[in-house]
Amino acid sequence: MALVKPFKGLRPPKDLVTKVASRPYDVLNSQEAFNEALGNEMSLYHIIKPEIDFDPIADEHDAKVYAKAVENFNMFQQKGWLVQDAKENYYIYAQTMNGRTQYGIVVAANVDDYMNGVIKKHELTRKDKEEDRMKHVRINNANLEPVFFAFPDNAGLQEIIDETIKKEPEYDYVAEDGFGHHFWVIDDEATIARITELFAGIPYLYIADGHHRTAAAALVGHEKALANPHHTGKEEYNFFLAVCFPESHLKIIDYNRVVKDLNGMTDDEFLAKLADNFDVECKGEEIYHPSALHNFSLYLGGKWYSLTAKAGTYNDSDPIGVLDVTISSDLILRDLLGITDLRTDKRIDFVGGIRGLGELKRRVDSGEMKMALALYAVSMKQLIDIADSGNIMPPKTTWFEPKLRSGIVVHKLD
């Protein structure tokens, strides 16, 4: 069962939140972070991407860059740009995109729950990316960026969300990307106790987004436990920052592929080979979106095609085999194009569905890529089924939007 606790959030004053809060560290490069933070000394990028404070921009893995993060983190607190709440609270963090709002409960999640599998994952992590974030957590002694969890719908927690959002929010603003961010403080002791109790009845939490941040936060907490001869399990380092959303609030966006070449084939040869496993239908020049599970959209030679996997080419009873990312990876990318490692092959790139299928068309029409493949989005049920079965999704399967803003609330490890 899930163990969570309230915590003393470190937060910006209400009038500074739009200056402090930033996009997550991993959705933009150093130059983009520099550009976004230009003229804003309060931007959290100065802590989570401190390489931007060097001229020229430094290697983000340099020891002096990590040290700069600590210097800036301390400065933010000294100047009152981040202020710690006097008592332990829970929080509600809501996001609005395209008229739809999802409401998450901000908690301190338990390190042991991650180590023991109560917090379930559906993706593999890379050790180098884990270690980078672990260094950042260690040196700042804080979780500066939240992780994104899902949990099975719970009537009691939904009732608390519904009652909380009737009140005036602490923060309520629209970011430069058009997404709304709304934040409430839950400081009532009875409600706090009830939230802890209700989470204790939830068997599993699921990592939706932020596998590397989750691993880093949990592993640093585990390190601290091993290093403390007087460890009790109640220390603050036993917990890390998470925003937990009811399953039904979340919608996964498609995650699409663009490929540089056809592995020596002409367009006609490639289409002919596709017909062995797919019903191929030309849709013309108008953008075509996949219409259902096992239907794909191909853009090639200035035209869009519908590809529908034929019966017998997939296994709907297998939580991995049923995924369109598995079908396309095996039958198209591997068997026809010779792309066997999606993580390392330089012939393929990935485009989040938030950019629209027009971005796929643009990259092919520019000559940068030869073809594009759009997939029908994975469902939350598929994600949970895979996590529950102990399986791992193929790379680049899920895209969640909007992303959680960093700096709205921070969790200190002491």
Protein backbone atom coordinates (compact mmCIF):
# COMPACT_ATOMS: atom_id res chain seq x y z
CA MET A 1 0.00 0.00 0.00
CA ALA A 2 1.20 3.52 -0.78
CA LEU A 3 2.85 5.51 1.99
CA VAL A 4 2.76 9.29 1.50
CA LYS A 5 3.16 12.21 3.87
CA PRO A 6 2.64 15.98 3.91
CA PHE A 7 5.71 18.21 3.81
CA LYS A 8 6.83 21.80 4.33
CA GLY A 9 6.83 23.00 0.76
CA LEU A 10 9.43 25.51 -0.36
CA ARG A 11 7.49 27.84 -2.67
CA PRO A 12 7.65 31.23 -4.41
CA PRO A 13 5.59 34.12 -2.97
CA LYS A 14 2.34 34.47 -4.91
CA ASP A 15 3.52 37.52 -6.85
CA LEU A 16 6.74 35.79 -7.98
CA VAL A 17 5.49 32.37 -9.08
CA THR A 18 5.40 33.24 -12.78
CA LYS A 19 8.99 34.46 -12.60
CA VAL A 20 10.30 31.45 -10.65
CA ALA A 21 8.41 28.48 -12.16
CA SER A 22 9.91 26.93 -15.28
CA ARG A 23 9.51 24.05 -17.66
CA PRO A 24 11.24 20.78 -16.59
CA TYR A 25 14.99 20.47 -17.14
CA ASP A 26 14.66 17.70 -19.73
CA VAL A 27 12.27 19.29 -22.24
CA LEU A 28 14.69 21.91 -23.50
CA ASN A 29 18.40 22.25 -24.14
CA SER A 30 20.84 24.62 -22.47
CA GLN A 31 20.57 27.32 -25.14
CA GLU A 32 16.77 27.25 -24.99
CA ALA A 33 16.91 27.52 -21.18
CA PHE A 34 19.33 30.46 -21.50
CA ASN A 35 16.95 32.21 -23.90
CA GLU A 36 13.91 31.64 -21.68
CA ALA A 37 15.73 32.84 -18.54
CA LEU A 38 17.27 35.90 -20.23
CA GLY A 39 16.59 38.97 -18.11
CA ASN A 40 14.95 36.93 -15.33
CA GLU A 41 17.30 36.27 -12.42
CA MET A 42 14.46 34.50 -10.57
CA SER A 43 13.97 31.74 -13.15
CA LEU A 44 14.41 28.25 -11.71
CA TYR A 45 16.56 27.46 -14.75
CA HIS A 46 19.41 29.10 -12.81
CA ILE A 47 19.16 26.11 -10.41
CA ILE A 48 18.01 23.20 -12.58
CA LYS A 49 20.10 24.20 -15.63
CA PRO A 50 22.83 26.32 -14.03
CA GLU A 51 25.17 25.90 -17.00
CA ILE A 52 23.33 28.93 -18.45
CA ASP A 53 25.11 31.17 -15.92
CA PHE A 54 28.50 30.61 -17.57
CA ASP A 55 29.87 32.44 -20.61
CA PRO A 56 30.00 30.53 -22.80
CA ILE A 57 27.35 28.10 -21.58
CA ALA A 58 29.22 25.38 -19.67
CA ASP A 59 29.08 21.60 -19.87
CA GLU A 60 26.05 20.73 -17.75
CA HIS A 61 27.95 17.82 -16.14
CA ASP A 62 30.93 19.91 -14.98
CA ALA A 63 31.51 19.98 -11.20
CA LYS A 64 31.43 23.77 -11.20
CA VAL A 65 27.97 23.68 -12.74
CA TYR A 66 26.57 21.50 -9.96
CA ALA A 67 28.23 23.85 -7.43
CA LYS A 68 26.55 26.81 -9.14
CA ALA A 69 23.18 25.11 -8.66
CA VAL A 70 23.75 25.03 -4.90
CA GLU A 71 24.91 28.64 -4.85
CA ASN A 72 21.81 29.74 -6.75
CA PHE A 73 19.47 27.57 -4.65
CA ASN A 74 20.81 29.15 -1.47
CA MET A 75 20.48 32.62 -3.01
CA PHE A 76 16.84 32.01 -3.98
CA GLN A 77 16.07 31.18 -0.34
CA GLN A 78 18.08 34.07 1.07
CA LYS A 79 16.37 36.57 -1.22
CA GLY A 80 12.91 35.20 -0.46
CA TRP A 81 12.23 33.93 -3.96
CA LEU A 82 11.59 30.51 -2.39
CA VAL A 83 10.04 30.45 1.08
CA GLN A 84 9.35 27.35 3.16
CA ASP A 85 5.89 26.78 4.61
CA ALA A 86 5.76 26.80 8.40
CA LYS A 87 3.95 23.46 8.64
CA GLU A 88 3.58 20.22 6.71
CA ASN A 89 0.85 20.41 4.10
CA TYR A 90 -0.51 18.59 1.12
CA TYR A 91 -1.23 20.58 -2.04
CA ILE A 92 -3.43 20.36 -5.14
CA TYR A 93 -1.75 21.17 -8.45
CA ALA A 94 -4.03 21.43 -11.49
CA GLN A 95 -3.19 22.00 -15.14
CA THR A 96 -5.46 23.15 -17.96
CA MET A 97 -4.86 22.39 -21.64
CA ASN A 98 -7.35 22.81 -24.47
CA GLY A 99 -10.20 23.38 -22.02
CA ARG A 100 -9.51 20.18 -20.02
CA THR A 101 -8.17 20.33 -16.45
CA GLN A 102 -6.41 17.54 -14.55
CA TYR A 103 -6.04 17.73 -10.76
CA GLY A 104 -3.12 16.16 -8.89
CA ILE A 105 -2.36 15.81 -5.19
CA VAL A 106 1.16 16.92 -4.29
CA VAL A 107 2.71 14.54 -1.75
CA ALA A 108 6.00 13.33 -0.38
CA ALA A 109 6.18 9.78 -1.77
CA ASN A 110 8.12 7.03 -0.03
CA VAL A 111 11.57 5.82 -1.12
CA ASP A 112 10.94 2.25 0.05
CA ASP A 113 7.75 2.13 -2.03
CA TYR A 114 9.90 2.69 -5.11
CA MET A 115 12.53 0.17 -4.05
CA ASN A 116 9.88 -2.47 -3.23
CA GLY A 117 7.70 -2.01 -6.32
CA VAL A 118 4.69 -0.27 -4.77
CA ILE A 119 5.60 2.58 -7.12
CA LYS A 120 5.54 0.87 -10.51
CA LYS A 121 7.41 1.84 -13.66
CA HIS A 122 6.80 1.11 -17.33
CA GLU A 123 10.07 2.35 -18.85
CA LEU A 124 13.75 1.51 -18.51
CA THR A 125 16.11 4.18 -17.24
CA ARG A 126 19.65 5.01 -18.33
CA LYS A 127 22.33 5.00 -15.64
CA ASP A 128 24.04 8.14 -16.96
CA LYS A 129 20.80 10.13 -16.80
CA GLU A 130 20.01 8.73 -13.35
CA GLU A 131 23.44 9.74 -12.05
CA ASP A 132 23.11 13.28 -13.41
CA ARG A 133 19.87 13.84 -11.52
CA MET A 134 21.22 12.04 -8.45
CA LYS A 135 24.11 14.52 -8.32
CA HIS A 136 21.64 17.37 -8.53
CA VAL A 137 19.48 15.98 -5.71
CA ARG A 138 22.51 15.15 -3.54
CA ILE A 139 24.26 18.48 -3.85
CA ASN A 140 21.11 20.56 -3.31
CA ASN A 141 19.69 18.18 -0.69
CA ALA A 142 16.29 18.75 -2.23
CA ASN A 143 13.86 17.56 -4.89
CA LEU A 144 13.62 20.68 -7.03
CA GLU A 145 11.39 19.08 -9.66
CA PRO A 146 8.34 16.88 -9.07
CA VAL A 147 7.69 13.48 -10.58
CA PHE A 148 4.37 12.65 -12.22
CA PHE A 149 2.39 9.70 -10.82
CA ALA A 150 -1.01 8.18 -11.53
CA PHE A 151 -3.22 6.19 -9.17
CA PRO A 152 -6.47 4.25 -9.60
CA ASP A 153 -9.50 6.49 -9.19
CA ASN A 154 -10.49 6.86 -5.55
CA ALA A 155 -13.82 8.39 -4.50
CA GLY A 156 -12.48 9.72 -1.20
CA LEU A 157 -9.51 11.50 -2.74
CA GLN A 158 -11.70 12.85 -5.54
CA GLU A 159 -14.07 14.30 -2.94
CA ILE A 160 -11.14 16.09 -1.27
CA ILE A 161 -10.02 17.47 -4.62
CA ASP A 162 -13.55 18.66 -5.41
CA GLU A 163 -13.91 20.43 -2.05
CA THR A 164 -10.44 22.01 -2.17
CA ILE A 165 -10.82 23.57 -5.60
CA LYS A 166 -13.95 25.45 -4.49
CA LYS A 167 -11.58 27.70 -2.54
CA GLU A 168 -9.41 30.52 -3.85
CA PRO A 169 -6.20 29.07 -5.34
CA GLU A 170 -2.81 30.13 -4.04
CA TYR A 171 -1.50 30.34 -7.60
CA ASP A 172 -3.58 30.72 -10.75
CA TYR A 173 -1.92 31.73 -14.01
CA VAL A 174 -1.50 30.89 -17.67
CA ALA A 175 2.09 30.20 -18.77
CA GLU A 176 3.62 31.47 -22.00
CA ASP A 177 2.71 28.21 -23.76
CA GLY A 178 -1.00 28.80 -23.07
CA PHE A 179 -1.34 26.10 -20.40
CA GLY A 180 -3.05 27.03 -17.13
CA HIS A 181 -1.51 26.22 -13.74
CA HIS A 182 -3.53 26.30 -10.51
CA PHE A 183 -2.36 25.49 -6.98
CA TRP A 184 -4.08 25.11 -3.61
CA VAL A 185 -2.63 24.54 -0.12
CA ILE A 186 -4.29 21.87 2.07
CA ASP A 187 -3.39 22.82 5.64
CA ASP A 188 -6.41 21.45 7.51
CA GLU A 189 -5.17 18.70 9.85
CA ALA A 190 -8.24 16.50 9.49
CA THR A 191 -8.03 16.61 5.69
CA ILE A 192 -4.29 15.94 5.81
CA ALA A 193 -4.83 12.86 7.96
CA ARG A 194 -7.60 11.67 5.67
CA ILE A 195 -5.38 11.97 2.56
CA THR A 196 -2.65 9.92 4.23
CA GLU A 197 -5.22 7.31 5.24
CA LEU A 198 -6.78 7.09 1.78
CA PHE A 199 -3.42 6.67 0.03
CA ALA A 200 -2.62 3.88 2.50
CA GLY A 201 -5.51 1.97 0.92
CA ILE A 202 -4.17 2.33 -2.63
CA PRO A 203 -2.10 -0.72 -3.59
CA TYR A 204 0.13 0.87 -6.24
CA LEU A 205 1.22 4.19 -7.67
CA TYR A 206 2.31 4.36 -11.32
CA ILE A 207 5.07 6.52 -12.78
CA ALA A 208 3.46 8.36 -15.66
CA ASP A 209 6.31 10.75 -16.49
CA GLY A 210 9.73 11.30 -14.94
CA HIS A 211 11.27 7.83 -14.61
CA HIS A 212 14.80 9.21 -14.28
CA ARG A 213 13.80 11.83 -11.71
CA THR A 214 11.94 9.18 -9.71
CA ALA A 215 14.89 6.79 -9.76
CA ALA A 216 17.32 9.56 -8.81
CA ALA A 217 15.19 10.84 -5.94
CA ALA A 218 14.61 7.36 -4.53
CA LEU A 219 18.24 6.25 -4.89
CA VAL A 220 19.56 9.35 -3.12
CA GLY A 221 17.14 8.73 -0.27
CA HIS A 222 18.27 5.11 -0.12
CA GLU A 223 21.92 6.23 -0.02
CA LYS A 224 21.19 8.55 2.88
CA ALA A 225 19.45 5.76 4.77
CA LEU A 226 22.43 3.43 4.35
CA ALA A 227 24.82 6.15 5.48
CA ASN A 228 22.90 7.01 8.66
CA PRO A 229 23.67 4.62 11.56
CA HIS A 230 20.66 6.03 13.41
CA HIS A 231 18.25 5.69 10.49
CA THR A 232 14.61 5.27 11.59
CA GLY A 233 12.71 5.51 8.31
CA LYS A 234 10.94 8.69 9.37
CA GLU A 235 13.61 11.13 8.18
CA GLU A 236 12.62 13.55 5.44
CA TYR A 237 15.14 11.98 3.03
CA ASN A 238 12.94 8.88 3.03
CA PHE A 239 10.46 10.82 0.88
CA PHE A 240 10.50 12.68 -2.42
CA LEU A 241 8.33 15.14 -4.33
CA ALA A 242 5.49 13.73 -6.44
CA VAL A 243 2.24 14.94 -7.96
CA CYS A 244 -0.32 12.11 -8.04
CA PHE A 245 -3.22 12.25 -10.51
CA PRO A 246 -6.32 10.03 -10.59
CA GLU A 247 -6.07 7.72 -13.58
CA SER A 248 -9.20 9.10 -15.27
CA HIS A 249 -7.82 12.65 -15.24
CA LEU A 250 -4.94 11.78 -17.53
CA LYS A 251 -4.72 11.47 -21.28
CA ILE A 252 -1.66 10.11 -23.05
CA ILE A 253 -0.72 11.86 -26.28
CA ASP A 254 0.67 10.04 -29.32
CA TYR A 255 4.45 9.75 -29.72
CA ASN A 256 5.44 9.56 -33.37
CA ARG A 257 8.46 8.60 -35.48
CA VAL A 258 10.41 10.10 -38.38
CA VAL A 259 13.02 8.11 -40.31
CA LYS A 260 15.89 9.28 -42.53
CA ASP A 261 15.79 6.59 -45.25
CA LEU A 262 13.98 3.51 -46.51
CA ASN A 263 16.90 1.10 -46.06
CA GLY A 264 17.73 1.08 -49.78
CA MET A 265 14.14 0.69 -51.01
CA THR A 266 12.20 2.96 -53.35
CA ASP A 267 8.87 4.38 -52.18
CA ASP A 268 6.95 1.80 -54.25
CA GLU A 269 9.06 -1.10 -52.98
CA PHE A 270 8.53 0.02 -49.38
CA LEU A 271 4.76 0.33 -49.86
CA ALA A 272 4.63 -3.10 -51.50
CA LYS A 273 6.46 -4.70 -48.57
CA LEU A 274 4.16 -2.94 -46.09
CA ALA A 275 1.22 -4.64 -47.79
CA ASP A 276 2.41 -8.03 -46.50
CA ASN A 277 1.31 -7.14 -42.96
CA PHE A 278 -0.88 -4.05 -43.39
CA ASP A 279 -3.88 -2.97 -45.41
CA VAL A 280 -2.42 0.09 -47.16
CA GLU A 281 -4.72 2.87 -48.38
CA CYS A 282 -3.57 6.16 -49.91
CA LYS A 283 -5.35 9.13 -48.31
CA GLY A 284 -3.90 11.87 -50.50
CA GLU A 285 -2.31 15.12 -49.44
CA GLU A 286 -4.61 15.96 -46.50
CA ILE A 287 -3.19 15.05 -43.07
CA TYR A 288 -4.51 11.66 -41.94
CA HIS A 289 -4.74 10.79 -38.25
CA PRO A 290 -4.76 7.16 -37.03
CA SER A 291 -8.40 6.27 -36.41
CA ALA A 292 -8.14 3.40 -33.91
CA LEU A 293 -5.83 0.91 -32.26
CA HIS A 294 -3.65 -0.91 -34.85
CA ASN A 295 -4.21 1.82 -37.43
CA PHE A 296 -1.20 3.94 -38.39
CA SER A 297 -0.62 7.06 -40.42
CA LEU A 298 2.31 7.07 -42.86
CA TYR A 299 3.62 10.19 -44.63
CA LEU A 300 5.81 9.43 -47.63
CA GLY A 301 6.47 11.19 -50.92
CA GLY A 302 4.05 14.02 -50.23
CA LYS A 303 1.12 11.69 -49.52
CA TRP A 304 -0.57 10.26 -46.42
CA TYR A 305 -1.41 6.58 -46.09
CA SER A 306 -3.57 4.57 -43.72
CA LEU A 307 -1.88 1.37 -42.52
CA THR A 308 -4.06 -1.14 -40.70
CA ALA A 309 -2.32 -4.15 -39.20
CA LYS A 310 -3.75 -7.41 -40.51
CA ALA A 311 -5.22 -10.00 -38.15
CA GLY A 312 -2.56 -12.37 -36.89
CA THR A 313 0.25 -9.81 -36.93
CA TYR A 314 -0.28 -8.85 -33.28
CA ASN A 315 -1.38 -10.43 -30.02
CA ASP A 316 -4.17 -8.60 -28.20
CA SER A 317 -3.81 -10.89 -25.18
CA ASP A 318 -0.19 -9.80 -24.65
CA PRO A 319 0.10 -6.42 -22.87
CA ILE A 320 3.25 -5.64 -24.88
CA GLY A 321 2.23 -7.30 -28.14
CA VAL A 322 -1.01 -5.34 -28.29
CA LEU A 323 0.82 -2.01 -28.35
CA ASP A 324 0.97 -0.21 -31.67
CA VAL A 325 4.51 0.85 -30.80
CA THR A 326 5.43 -2.88 -30.68
CA ILE A 327 3.71 -3.63 -33.97
CA SER A 328 5.37 -0.73 -35.76
CA SER A 329 8.76 -1.33 -34.14
CA ASP A 330 8.76 -5.01 -35.16
CA LEU A 331 7.00 -5.07 -38.52
CA ILE A 332 8.12 -1.74 -39.97
CA LEU A 333 11.16 -0.32 -38.24
CA ARG A 334 12.98 -3.61 -37.56
CA ASP A 335 11.87 -5.95 -40.33
CA LEU A 336 11.74 -3.45 -43.22
CA LEU A 337 14.02 -0.58 -42.22
CA GLY A 338 16.64 -2.42 -40.16
CA ILE A 339 16.24 -0.21 -37.09
CA THR A 340 16.70 -2.51 -34.09
CA ASP A 341 17.61 -0.12 -31.25
CA LEU A 342 15.25 2.83 -30.91
CA ARG A 343 17.41 4.34 -28.15
CA THR A 344 20.63 4.64 -30.16
CA ASP A 345 19.93 4.42 -33.91
CA LYS A 346 20.68 7.80 -35.53
CA ARG A 347 18.36 7.11 -38.48
CA ILE A 348 15.25 7.63 -36.36
CA ASP A 349 13.88 10.51 -34.33
CA PHE A 350 10.74 10.98 -32.23
CA VAL A 351 8.13 13.74 -32.22
CA GLY A 352 5.67 14.29 -29.37
CA GLY A 353 2.06 14.49 -30.46
CA ILE A 354 1.73 17.92 -28.88
CA ARG A 355 3.50 19.25 -32.01
CA GLY A 356 0.79 17.85 -34.30
CA LEU A 357 1.13 15.77 -37.45
CA GLY A 358 2.01 18.92 -39.37
CA GLU A 359 5.44 18.73 -37.74
CA LEU A 360 5.90 15.25 -39.24
CA LYS A 361 5.01 16.59 -42.68
CA ARG A 362 7.37 19.54 -42.25
CA ARG A 363 10.35 17.36 -41.36
CA VAL A 364 9.79 15.06 -44.33
CA ASP A 365 9.04 17.85 -46.82
CA SER A 366 12.22 19.66 -45.73
CA GLY A 367 14.30 16.69 -46.86
CA GLU A 368 15.62 16.10 -43.34
CA MET A 369 13.61 12.87 -43.11
CA LYS A 370 12.31 10.42 -45.68
CA MET A 371 9.13 9.19 -44.00
CA ALA A 372 7.00 9.70 -40.91
CA LEU A 373 4.84 7.30 -38.92
CA ALA A 374 2.07 8.43 -36.58
CA LEU A 375 0.68 6.08 -33.93
CA TYR A 376 -2.64 5.88 -32.13
CA ALA A 377 -2.05 7.01 -28.55
CA VAL A 378 -1.54 4.48 -25.76
CA SER A 379 -4.30 4.42 -23.12
CA MET A 380 -3.84 4.72 -19.37
CA LYS A 381 -5.31 1.22 -19.07
CA GLN A 382 -2.56 -0.16 -21.31
CA LEU A 383 0.11 1.64 -19.27
CA ILE A 384 -1.24 0.26 -16.00
CA ASP A 385 -1.69 -3.26 -17.42
CA ILE A 386 1.96 -3.28 -18.52
CA ALA A 387 3.21 -1.96 -15.19
CA ASP A 388 1.07 -4.50 -13.31
CA SER A 389 2.42 -7.35 -15.45
CA GLY A 390 6.00 -6.33 -14.65
CA ASN A 391 6.74 -5.62 -18.30
CA ILE A 392 8.48 -2.60 -19.79
CA MET A 393 7.13 -0.56 -22.69
CA PRO A 394 9.28 -0.09 -25.79
CA PRO A 395 11.15 3.25 -25.85
CA LYS A 396 9.31 6.46 -26.74
CA THR A 397 5.80 5.10 -26.20
CA THR A 398 4.05 7.68 -24.04
CA TRP A 399 3.91 11.47 -24.10
CA PHE A 400 2.15 13.36 -21.31
CA GLU A 401 1.15 16.98 -21.71
CA PRO A 402 1.06 19.47 -20.13
CA LYS A 403 4.32 18.96 -18.26
CA LEU A 404 4.51 19.74 -14.56
CA ARG A 405 6.10 23.12 -13.93
CA SER A 406 9.22 23.06 -11.82
CA GLY A 407 9.56 25.50 -8.93
CA ILE A 408 5.91 25.78 -7.98
CA VAL A 409 6.83 23.71 -4.93
CA VAL A 410 10.14 22.16 -3.79
CA HIS A 411 10.80 19.41 -1.23
CA LYS A 412 13.86 19.68 1.01
CA LEU A 413 15.45 16.47 2.31
CA ASP A 414 16.08 17.73 5.86
